[in-house]
Amino acid sequence: MKKKLFAVMCMALSLSMLTGCGGGTNQEMGDEKIEISVGYWPNPETDAERYAIYEGYIETFKQKRPDVTVIPDEMNHSNDTFMALAAAGQLPNIYRVPFTEPKNIINAGYARDITDIMKKRGYDKKLNSDLLDIVTVDGRYYGIPYNGYMMGMWYNVNLFEQAGLVNEDGSLKYPKTWEEVAETAKIITEKTGQPGFGFQCKDAEAGWNFMNIAWSYGVKFMEMGEDGKYTATFATKEMADALQFISDLKWKYNVIPANVLLSRGDLVKLFATDQVGMSICAEDWLDSPVKNYNMPKEKIGTSPMPSGPAGTYAETGGDAWLISAETTDEQLEALFDWLDVVGNGPELSDLAKTNIENNVKARASDGKVITVPAFSVWQDEERNKQIEEIYTPYVNTDPKVQVSMMNDKVMLHAEEPMATQELYRVVSSLMQEVLTNENVDIMPLLEEKQANFQRDFLD
């Protein structure tokens, strides 16, 4: 009403007064500042380092948008609480969710269509098109892929040195295929007395790890029919062969820890304390052995995932930003300005580069492992080159033993599209069966698990 009345008053004034009316900004007119709430904000007590960085973001953002107030929100996505928060209208304007979740949230009506601003600001051209599909429904964009990880291998350099698996130039003789993984593990076990290979097998995350092996053996876990429904398809010879491979590591070669029911924490401890030679890892695991067990950074080797009969596959995942459905147009513009300033936009301004470098510098000062990211959500080569240039001065690992997890042979594979966490639990239970029972008949077991997964989750 105020704005309408103001417009009428302006029209009634003289031409000279009209000119004065049209020249003011929103702030000069007395409009309230725009407020945006930003989710996934770090807690000042439990994550003081990141909290300080985010507070710095606010100060930098004021240089671009002094008319906007940023409201921190610590909301972190949880399947147990998200829908209740969304239904109650308690989502922040921008919030982060794993790549497995956007379609469900979009279809439930809790994310805003942001297609127009994505195109206007060039996000649609520079983001990885496969990742954009994750936040697309009916050709419209509802989110922004934020970050990602990929899976690879890591190696305990001490055990590789003791086993004589080091080249003259100091690089590691790391395995290129899963067959070579078994051979390398045997050498480490024979030469050092320690298990040559280890993997998780205790919880759903174990299945998440195993997917990399299964895909490389040619396993197709599910297929979508013309009606949009999914059918489980993993009771196959390829899956049986992949399970037989890990069974052989236990029963044929005896190169894995005696306790096969390892959590991620258990595995990291063994790796960091020279009690396991190698395992599958995610790109963002490298800090754990350093922080928790003082493992020297230069004693951690890495490489791409080994190849199987069907090729080299590395699981990729990550997070996307979604915008709450209640967000106004003014808030939306401010949110995209925020993303630009903190370095999550398609163009890296000087402000964005400063914020990214301050983040990397703070992590390096805190003793974190710094490597040039192997995976990017952006397909723009120039942008990725700029990121590499920012990271390179702070890299604190040994390049001779840390080979990038990404190369031309690696095919990135997204998580399976339906009942993802439930599938991981099923796969984990299959791993437990073959590692605790030497004589298990794998194919009947697979058929039973597939039928149950279809009935309980896909149907």
Protein backbone atom coordinates (compact mmCIF):
# COMPACT_ATOMS: atom_id res chain seq x y z
CA MET A 1 0.00 0.00 0.00
CA LYS A 2 2.87 2.35 0.85
CA LYS A 3 4.44 1.81 -2.57
CA LYS A 4 1.13 2.31 -4.41
CA LEU A 5 0.40 5.52 -2.49
CA PHE A 6 3.93 6.76 -3.14
CA ALA A 7 3.49 6.15 -6.88
CA VAL A 8 0.22 8.07 -6.95
CA MET A 9 1.80 10.98 -5.10
CA CYS A 10 4.68 11.03 -7.58
CA MET A 11 2.29 11.19 -10.52
CA ALA A 12 0.55 14.16 -8.97
CA LEU A 13 3.73 16.18 -8.66
CA SER A 14 5.31 18.46 -11.21
CA LEU A 15 7.73 17.20 -13.85
CA SER A 16 10.68 18.38 -11.80
CA MET A 17 9.44 16.52 -8.75
CA LEU A 18 8.84 13.42 -10.86
CA THR A 19 12.49 13.44 -11.82
CA GLY A 20 13.43 13.55 -8.15
CA CYS A 21 11.06 10.70 -7.35
CA GLY A 22 12.59 8.32 -9.87
CA GLY A 23 16.21 8.85 -8.88
CA GLY A 24 16.33 7.24 -5.41
CA THR A 25 17.50 3.74 -4.45
CA ASN A 26 15.49 1.33 -2.33
CA GLN A 27 17.58 2.23 0.68
CA GLU A 28 17.03 5.95 0.10
CA MET A 29 13.31 5.27 -0.03
CA GLY A 30 13.49 3.63 3.37
CA ASP A 31 12.81 0.04 2.27
CA GLU A 32 14.01 -2.63 4.66
CA LYS A 33 17.18 -4.52 3.89
CA ILE A 34 16.95 -7.90 2.21
CA GLU A 35 17.60 -10.88 4.47
CA ILE A 36 18.84 -14.26 3.25
CA SER A 37 19.28 -17.34 5.42
CA VAL A 38 22.17 -19.62 4.47
CA GLY A 39 22.15 -23.24 5.59
CA TYR A 40 25.02 -25.60 6.46
CA TRP A 41 26.64 -22.84 8.53
CA PRO A 42 29.46 -24.18 10.74
CA ASN A 43 29.04 -24.24 14.51
CA PRO A 44 31.44 -21.84 16.30
CA GLU A 45 32.25 -24.38 19.02
CA THR A 46 32.56 -27.63 17.10
CA ASP A 47 33.96 -26.21 13.86
CA ALA A 48 35.70 -22.99 14.85
CA GLU A 49 38.03 -22.97 11.83
CA ARG A 50 35.24 -23.05 9.23
CA TYR A 51 33.11 -20.71 11.33
CA ALA A 52 35.83 -18.06 11.18
CA ILE A 53 36.06 -18.49 7.40
CA TYR A 54 32.29 -18.06 7.01
CA GLU A 55 32.31 -14.95 9.17
CA GLY A 56 34.94 -13.63 6.77
CA TYR A 57 32.59 -14.41 3.90
CA ILE A 58 30.00 -12.10 5.43
CA GLU A 59 32.46 -9.22 5.66
CA THR A 60 33.52 -9.74 2.04
CA PHE A 61 29.91 -10.02 0.89
CA LYS A 62 29.13 -6.61 2.36
CA GLN A 63 31.47 -5.10 -0.22
CA LYS A 64 29.19 -6.37 -2.99
CA ARG A 65 25.78 -6.22 -1.32
CA PRO A 66 25.69 -3.84 1.66
CA ASP A 67 21.88 -3.93 1.43
CA VAL A 68 21.71 -7.65 2.30
CA THR A 69 21.83 -9.22 5.75
CA VAL A 70 23.04 -12.82 5.89
CA ILE A 71 21.34 -14.98 8.52
CA PRO A 72 23.46 -18.06 9.43
CA ASP A 73 21.56 -21.34 9.74
CA GLU A 74 23.26 -24.54 10.90
CA MET A 75 20.75 -26.81 9.18
CA ASN A 76 22.54 -29.90 7.84
CA HIS A 77 20.49 -32.32 5.76
CA SER A 78 19.15 -35.38 7.54
CA ASN A 79 16.67 -37.81 6.02
CA ASP A 80 15.10 -38.20 9.46
CA THR A 81 14.20 -34.53 9.90
CA PHE A 82 14.21 -32.83 6.50
CA MET A 83 10.61 -33.37 5.42
CA ALA A 84 9.27 -32.26 8.80
CA LEU A 85 11.30 -29.04 8.64
CA ALA A 86 10.22 -28.46 5.05
CA ALA A 87 6.52 -29.00 5.82
CA ALA A 88 6.79 -26.57 8.73
CA GLY A 89 8.36 -23.90 6.49
CA GLN A 90 11.60 -23.93 8.49
CA LEU A 91 14.08 -24.37 5.66
CA PRO A 92 16.69 -21.65 5.14
CA ASN A 93 16.58 -19.81 1.81
CA ILE A 94 19.51 -21.90 0.56
CA TYR A 95 20.33 -25.35 1.88
CA ARG A 96 22.62 -28.23 0.98
CA VAL A 97 21.58 -31.81 0.24
CA PRO A 98 23.43 -34.90 -1.08
CA PHE A 99 23.18 -35.67 -4.78
CA THR A 100 20.81 -38.55 -3.99
CA GLU A 101 18.08 -36.25 -2.63
CA PRO A 102 17.16 -33.36 -5.01
CA LYS A 103 14.59 -35.20 -7.15
CA ASN A 104 12.56 -36.26 -4.10
CA ILE A 105 12.67 -32.76 -2.62
CA ILE A 106 11.80 -31.08 -5.93
CA ASN A 107 8.86 -33.42 -6.53
CA ALA A 108 7.62 -32.72 -3.01
CA GLY A 109 7.49 -29.00 -3.82
CA TYR A 110 10.17 -27.80 -1.39
CA ALA A 111 12.60 -26.32 -3.93
CA ARG A 112 12.15 -23.23 -6.08
CA ASP A 113 12.50 -23.19 -9.88
CA ILE A 114 15.68 -21.18 -10.57
CA THR A 115 16.01 -21.82 -14.31
CA ASP A 116 15.89 -18.20 -15.42
CA ILE A 117 18.61 -16.93 -13.10
CA MET A 118 20.78 -19.99 -13.78
CA LYS A 119 20.72 -19.13 -17.48
CA LYS A 120 21.09 -15.40 -16.95
CA ARG A 121 24.24 -15.90 -14.87
CA GLY A 122 25.81 -18.63 -17.00
CA TYR A 123 25.60 -21.53 -14.56
CA ASP A 124 23.84 -23.73 -17.12
CA LYS A 125 26.75 -23.49 -19.58
CA LYS A 126 29.66 -24.04 -17.19
CA LEU A 127 28.43 -26.67 -14.73
CA ASN A 128 28.93 -30.35 -15.52
CA SER A 129 25.89 -31.38 -17.54
CA ASP A 130 25.61 -34.79 -15.86
CA LEU A 131 25.50 -33.12 -12.44
CA LEU A 132 22.95 -30.59 -13.66
CA ASP A 133 20.67 -33.52 -14.48
CA ILE A 134 20.58 -34.29 -10.74
CA VAL A 135 18.82 -30.97 -10.04
CA THR A 136 16.64 -30.93 -13.19
CA VAL A 137 12.98 -31.94 -13.42
CA ASP A 138 10.97 -31.55 -16.63
CA GLY A 139 13.76 -29.47 -18.16
CA ARG A 140 13.80 -26.93 -15.32
CA TYR A 141 16.63 -26.28 -12.85
CA TYR A 142 15.98 -26.36 -9.12
CA GLY A 143 19.50 -26.42 -7.68
CA ILE A 144 23.20 -25.78 -8.11
CA PRO A 145 25.75 -28.63 -7.84
CA TYR A 146 28.14 -27.40 -5.15
CA ASN A 147 30.95 -29.85 -4.59
CA GLY A 148 31.85 -33.42 -5.32
CA TYR A 149 34.18 -36.22 -4.46
CA MET A 150 35.47 -39.20 -6.32
CA MET A 151 36.78 -42.52 -5.10
CA GLY A 152 40.28 -43.84 -5.61
CA MET A 153 42.95 -45.81 -3.78
CA TRP A 154 45.34 -44.86 -0.99
CA TYR A 155 48.58 -46.54 0.00
CA ASN A 156 50.66 -46.74 3.18
CA VAL A 157 54.07 -45.66 1.88
CA ASN A 158 55.94 -47.20 4.84
CA LEU A 159 54.59 -50.67 4.03
CA PHE A 160 55.18 -50.23 0.31
CA GLU A 161 58.81 -49.31 1.07
CA GLN A 162 59.24 -52.32 3.36
CA ALA A 163 57.77 -54.57 0.67
CA GLY A 164 60.10 -53.20 -2.02
CA LEU A 165 57.21 -51.73 -4.01
CA VAL A 166 58.90 -48.39 -4.75
CA ASN A 167 60.50 -47.31 -8.04
CA GLU A 168 63.94 -45.71 -8.26
CA ASP A 169 62.42 -42.23 -8.54
CA GLY A 170 60.48 -42.72 -5.30
CA SER A 171 57.10 -43.36 -6.92
CA LEU A 172 55.01 -46.35 -5.84
CA LYS A 173 54.47 -49.55 -7.80
CA TYR A 174 50.75 -49.24 -7.31
CA PRO A 175 48.29 -51.73 -8.86
CA LYS A 176 46.48 -50.84 -12.08
CA THR A 177 43.93 -53.70 -12.04
CA TRP A 178 42.06 -55.61 -9.35
CA GLU A 179 44.14 -58.67 -10.19
CA GLU A 180 47.24 -56.60 -9.48
CA VAL A 181 45.65 -55.47 -6.20
CA ALA A 182 45.58 -59.12 -5.08
CA GLU A 183 49.19 -59.67 -6.22
CA THR A 184 50.40 -56.47 -4.54
CA ALA A 185 48.53 -57.33 -1.34
CA LYS A 186 50.24 -60.76 -1.28
CA ILE A 187 53.68 -59.15 -1.58
CA ILE A 188 52.96 -56.68 1.25
CA THR A 189 51.65 -59.43 3.51
CA GLU A 190 54.59 -61.74 2.80
CA LYS A 191 57.26 -59.03 3.19
CA THR A 192 55.83 -57.08 6.15
CA GLY A 193 53.54 -59.45 8.01
CA GLN A 194 50.74 -56.87 7.75
CA PRO A 195 47.50 -57.21 5.75
CA GLY A 196 48.09 -55.95 2.24
CA PHE A 197 44.53 -54.78 1.66
CA GLY A 198 41.59 -53.69 3.79
CA PHE A 199 38.06 -52.52 3.24
CA GLN A 200 34.99 -51.57 5.21
CA CYS A 201 32.45 -54.28 5.80
CA LYS A 202 30.50 -53.22 8.88
CA ASP A 203 27.77 -50.85 7.75
CA ALA A 204 26.04 -49.28 4.75
CA GLU A 205 29.22 -47.40 3.84
CA ALA A 206 30.82 -50.75 3.06
CA GLY A 207 28.38 -51.23 0.20
CA TRP A 208 29.13 -47.70 -0.96
CA ASN A 209 32.82 -48.66 -1.24
CA PHE A 210 32.15 -51.97 -2.98
CA MET A 211 30.20 -50.33 -5.82
CA ASN A 212 33.51 -49.29 -7.41
CA ILE A 213 34.58 -52.94 -7.68
CA ALA A 214 31.16 -54.13 -8.82
CA TRP A 215 30.82 -51.60 -11.65
CA SER A 216 34.30 -52.45 -12.90
CA TYR A 217 33.15 -56.08 -13.16
CA GLY A 218 30.16 -54.96 -15.26
CA VAL A 219 27.41 -55.08 -12.63
CA LYS A 220 24.19 -53.23 -13.44
CA PHE A 221 22.27 -52.84 -10.19
CA MET A 222 18.93 -51.67 -11.58
CA GLU A 223 17.15 -50.66 -14.75
CA MET A 224 14.30 -48.22 -15.33
CA GLY A 225 11.39 -49.38 -17.46
CA GLU A 226 9.25 -47.31 -19.82
CA ASP A 227 6.77 -46.82 -16.96
CA GLY A 228 9.48 -45.15 -14.85
CA LYS A 229 9.67 -48.03 -12.39
CA TYR A 230 12.94 -49.72 -11.49
CA THR A 231 13.84 -53.39 -11.57
CA ALA A 232 16.76 -54.82 -9.58
CA THR A 233 19.26 -56.59 -11.87
CA PHE A 234 22.30 -57.47 -9.76
CA ALA A 235 21.83 -61.23 -9.37
CA THR A 236 24.30 -61.90 -12.19
CA LYS A 237 27.57 -63.66 -12.93
CA GLU A 238 29.32 -60.26 -12.89
CA MET A 239 28.19 -59.59 -9.32
CA ALA A 240 29.11 -63.11 -8.28
CA ASP A 241 32.60 -62.62 -9.76
CA ALA A 242 33.06 -59.32 -7.91
CA LEU A 243 32.05 -60.95 -4.62
CA GLN A 244 34.31 -63.91 -5.37
CA PHE A 245 37.21 -61.47 -5.75
CA ILE A 246 36.88 -60.15 -2.21
CA SER A 247 36.19 -63.67 -0.94
CA ASP A 248 39.52 -64.77 -2.44
CA LEU A 249 41.34 -61.93 -0.68
CA LYS A 250 40.16 -63.52 2.57
CA TRP A 251 40.06 -67.27 1.99
CA LYS A 252 42.50 -67.85 -0.89
CA TYR A 253 45.20 -65.23 -0.31
CA ASN A 254 44.67 -64.30 3.37
CA VAL A 255 45.73 -60.68 2.76
CA ILE A 256 43.03 -58.77 4.70
CA PRO A 257 42.72 -58.07 8.45
CA ALA A 258 41.50 -60.94 10.61
CA ASN A 259 38.56 -58.80 11.72
CA VAL A 260 36.62 -58.37 8.52
CA LEU A 261 33.83 -56.29 10.08
CA LEU A 262 35.66 -52.97 9.91
CA SER A 263 34.06 -49.53 10.06
CA ARG A 264 35.63 -46.57 8.30
CA GLY A 265 37.16 -45.47 11.61
CA ASP A 266 38.67 -48.92 12.14
CA LEU A 267 40.13 -48.95 8.65
CA VAL A 268 41.62 -45.45 8.96
CA LYS A 269 43.30 -46.42 12.24
CA LEU A 270 44.86 -49.54 10.71
CA PHE A 271 46.02 -47.59 7.68
CA ALA A 272 47.50 -44.74 9.72
CA THR A 273 49.35 -47.06 12.11
CA ASP A 274 51.05 -49.21 9.43
CA GLN A 275 48.67 -52.15 9.89
CA VAL A 276 47.19 -52.28 6.39
CA GLY A 277 48.86 -51.57 3.07
CA MET A 278 46.08 -50.13 0.89
CA SER A 279 42.36 -49.70 0.48
CA ILE A 280 39.66 -47.87 -1.41
CA CYS A 281 39.21 -44.31 -0.19
CA ALA A 282 37.34 -41.12 -0.99
CA GLU A 283 39.17 -37.99 -2.02
CA ASP A 284 38.23 -36.23 1.22
CA TRP A 285 39.50 -38.95 3.60
CA LEU A 286 43.12 -37.84 3.57
CA ASP A 287 42.89 -35.61 6.64
CA SER A 288 41.70 -38.37 8.97
CA PRO A 289 44.94 -40.38 9.43
CA VAL A 290 46.93 -37.15 9.79
CA LYS A 291 44.61 -35.47 12.28
CA ASN A 292 43.71 -38.52 14.37
CA TYR A 293 46.97 -40.50 14.31
CA ASN A 294 49.69 -38.03 13.29
CA MET A 295 50.45 -39.97 10.11
CA PRO A 296 53.00 -37.97 8.05
CA LYS A 297 51.33 -36.51 4.96
CA GLU A 298 54.17 -37.71 2.72
CA LYS A 299 53.48 -41.30 3.80
CA ILE A 300 50.05 -41.34 2.14
CA GLY A 301 50.07 -42.42 -1.49
CA THR A 302 47.11 -42.23 -3.86
CA SER A 303 46.13 -43.39 -7.33
CA PRO A 304 43.08 -43.85 -9.56
CA MET A 305 40.78 -46.80 -9.00
CA PRO A 306 42.06 -50.11 -10.44
CA SER A 307 40.44 -51.55 -13.57
CA GLY A 308 38.20 -54.58 -13.76
CA PRO A 309 36.95 -56.68 -16.68
CA ALA A 310 34.48 -53.91 -17.65
CA GLY A 311 36.83 -50.95 -17.20
CA THR A 312 37.77 -48.40 -14.54
CA TYR A 313 34.94 -46.90 -12.52
CA ALA A 314 35.07 -44.40 -9.68
CA GLU A 315 32.02 -43.50 -7.70
CA THR A 316 31.25 -39.82 -7.51
CA GLY A 317 28.91 -37.99 -5.22
CA GLY A 318 28.58 -34.69 -3.51
CA ASP A 319 26.16 -31.95 -2.54
CA ALA A 320 23.89 -29.48 -4.26
CA TRP A 321 22.43 -26.17 -3.14
CA LEU A 322 18.65 -25.99 -3.34
CA ILE A 323 16.55 -22.83 -2.84
CA SER A 324 13.49 -22.97 -0.62
CA ALA A 325 10.17 -22.54 -2.39
CA GLU A 326 9.27 -19.44 -0.33
CA THR A 327 12.33 -17.47 -1.47
CA THR A 328 11.45 -14.16 -3.16
CA ASP A 329 12.96 -12.83 -6.38
CA GLU A 330 14.98 -10.24 -4.44
CA GLN A 331 16.32 -12.90 -2.10
CA LEU A 332 17.15 -15.12 -5.06
CA GLU A 333 19.30 -12.42 -6.68
CA ALA A 334 21.07 -11.88 -3.35
CA LEU A 335 21.68 -15.62 -2.91
CA PHE A 336 23.35 -15.84 -6.31
CA ASP A 337 25.48 -12.83 -5.42
CA TRP A 338 26.45 -14.72 -2.25
CA LEU A 339 27.44 -17.80 -4.26
CA ASP A 340 29.58 -15.64 -6.54
CA VAL A 341 31.42 -13.98 -3.65
CA VAL A 342 32.23 -17.22 -1.79
CA GLY A 343 33.56 -18.84 -4.97
CA ASN A 344 30.64 -21.05 -5.95
CA GLY A 345 29.77 -19.18 -9.14
CA PRO A 346 30.78 -19.72 -12.78
CA GLU A 347 33.12 -16.72 -12.82
CA LEU A 348 35.86 -16.27 -10.22
CA SER A 349 35.98 -12.59 -9.30
CA ASP A 350 38.84 -11.16 -7.26
CA LEU A 351 36.63 -11.38 -4.16
CA ALA A 352 35.89 -15.04 -4.90
CA LYS A 353 39.55 -15.89 -5.46
CA THR A 354 40.49 -14.20 -2.19
CA ASN A 355 37.86 -16.17 -0.28
CA ILE A 356 38.92 -19.47 -1.84
CA GLU A 357 42.59 -18.81 -1.09
CA ASN A 358 41.83 -17.77 2.49
CA ASN A 359 39.95 -21.04 2.92
CA VAL A 360 42.85 -23.11 1.56
CA LYS A 361 45.39 -21.11 3.57
CA ALA A 362 43.43 -21.66 6.80
CA ARG A 363 43.22 -25.40 6.18
CA ALA A 364 46.96 -25.57 5.47
CA SER A 365 47.73 -23.62 8.64
CA ASP A 366 45.57 -26.06 10.58
CA GLY A 367 47.68 -28.98 9.33
CA LYS A 368 45.12 -30.30 6.84
CA VAL A 369 46.19 -32.23 3.75
CA ILE A 370 46.12 -29.93 0.72
CA THR A 371 45.99 -31.36 -2.78
CA VAL A 372 44.67 -29.92 -6.04
CA PRO A 373 41.08 -31.25 -6.27
CA ALA A 374 40.86 -34.17 -8.70
CA PHE A 375 37.15 -33.65 -9.29
CA SER A 376 35.22 -30.51 -10.15
CA VAL A 377 31.52 -29.81 -10.64
CA TRP A 378 32.54 -27.31 -13.34
CA GLN A 379 33.30 -28.31 -16.92
CA ASP A 380 34.89 -24.93 -17.69
CA GLU A 381 38.63 -25.58 -18.18
CA GLU A 382 39.66 -21.97 -17.54
CA ARG A 383 37.84 -21.90 -14.20
CA ASN A 384 39.37 -25.21 -13.14
CA LYS A 385 42.82 -23.94 -14.12
CA GLN A 386 42.31 -20.89 -11.89
CA ILE A 387 41.39 -23.19 -8.98
CA GLU A 388 44.54 -25.23 -9.58
CA GLU A 389 46.64 -22.07 -9.52
CA ILE A 390 45.12 -21.06 -6.18
CA TYR A 391 45.74 -24.47 -4.58
CA THR A 392 49.20 -25.25 -5.94
CA PRO A 393 51.28 -23.01 -3.59
CA TYR A 394 49.70 -24.73 -0.57
CA VAL A 395 49.99 -28.38 -1.65
CA ASN A 396 51.76 -30.19 1.20
CA THR A 397 51.94 -33.80 0.00
CA ASP A 398 54.64 -35.72 -1.89
CA PRO A 399 53.79 -35.61 -5.62
CA LYS A 400 55.92 -38.72 -6.25
CA VAL A 401 53.52 -40.92 -4.25
CA GLN A 402 50.29 -38.95 -4.65
CA VAL A 403 49.04 -39.66 -8.16
CA SER A 404 45.77 -37.93 -9.06
CA MET A 405 42.70 -40.13 -8.65
CA MET A 406 41.45 -38.94 -12.03
CA ASN A 407 42.86 -39.88 -15.43
CA ASP A 408 41.57 -40.46 -18.96
CA LYS A 409 40.63 -44.09 -18.23
CA VAL A 410 38.47 -43.40 -15.19
CA MET A 411 34.74 -43.34 -15.82
CA LEU A 412 32.88 -41.44 -13.11
CA HIS A 413 29.75 -43.21 -11.92
CA ALA A 414 27.00 -41.51 -9.92
CA GLU A 415 25.31 -43.30 -7.06
CA GLU A 416 22.46 -45.61 -8.02
CA PRO A 417 19.22 -43.64 -8.53
CA MET A 418 16.72 -45.41 -6.26
CA ALA A 419 16.76 -46.63 -2.62
CA THR A 420 20.48 -45.86 -2.59
CA GLN A 421 21.17 -46.26 1.12
CA GLU A 422 19.06 -49.42 1.32
CA LEU A 423 21.01 -50.87 -1.62
CA TYR A 424 24.28 -50.16 0.17
CA ARG A 425 23.03 -52.12 3.18
CA VAL A 426 22.09 -55.06 0.97
CA VAL A 427 25.52 -55.05 -0.70
CA SER A 428 27.22 -54.78 2.70
CA SER A 429 25.30 -57.84 3.90
CA LEU A 430 26.48 -59.73 0.81
CA MET A 431 30.09 -58.78 1.57
CA GLN A 432 29.69 -60.00 5.13
CA GLU A 433 28.32 -63.32 3.93
CA VAL A 434 31.26 -64.10 1.63
CA LEU A 435 33.87 -62.90 4.14
CA THR A 436 32.52 -64.88 7.08
CA ASN A 437 31.52 -68.06 5.25
CA GLU A 438 34.12 -69.63 2.98
CA ASN A 439 31.65 -72.08 1.44
CA VAL A 440 28.69 -69.80 0.78
CA ASP A 441 26.90 -70.42 -2.52
CA ILE A 442 26.90 -66.92 -4.00
CA MET A 443 24.29 -67.10 -6.79
CA PRO A 444 21.34 -68.34 -4.68
CA LEU A 445 22.26 -65.71 -2.10
CA LEU A 446 22.25 -63.01 -4.78
CA GLU A 447 18.86 -64.11 -6.09
CA GLU A 448 17.37 -64.00 -2.60
CA LYS A 449 18.80 -60.55 -1.83
CA GLN A 450 17.68 -59.18 -5.20
CA ALA A 451 14.12 -60.43 -4.74
CA ASN A 452 13.93 -58.94 -1.26
CA PHE A 453 15.35 -55.59 -2.41
CA GLN A 454 12.84 -55.45 -5.27
CA ARG A 455 9.91 -56.25 -2.99
CA ASP A 456 10.88 -54.10 -0.01
CA PHE A 457 12.21 -50.98 -1.73
CA LEU A 458 11.82 -50.74 -5.51
CA ASP A 459 8.21 -51.96 -5.54
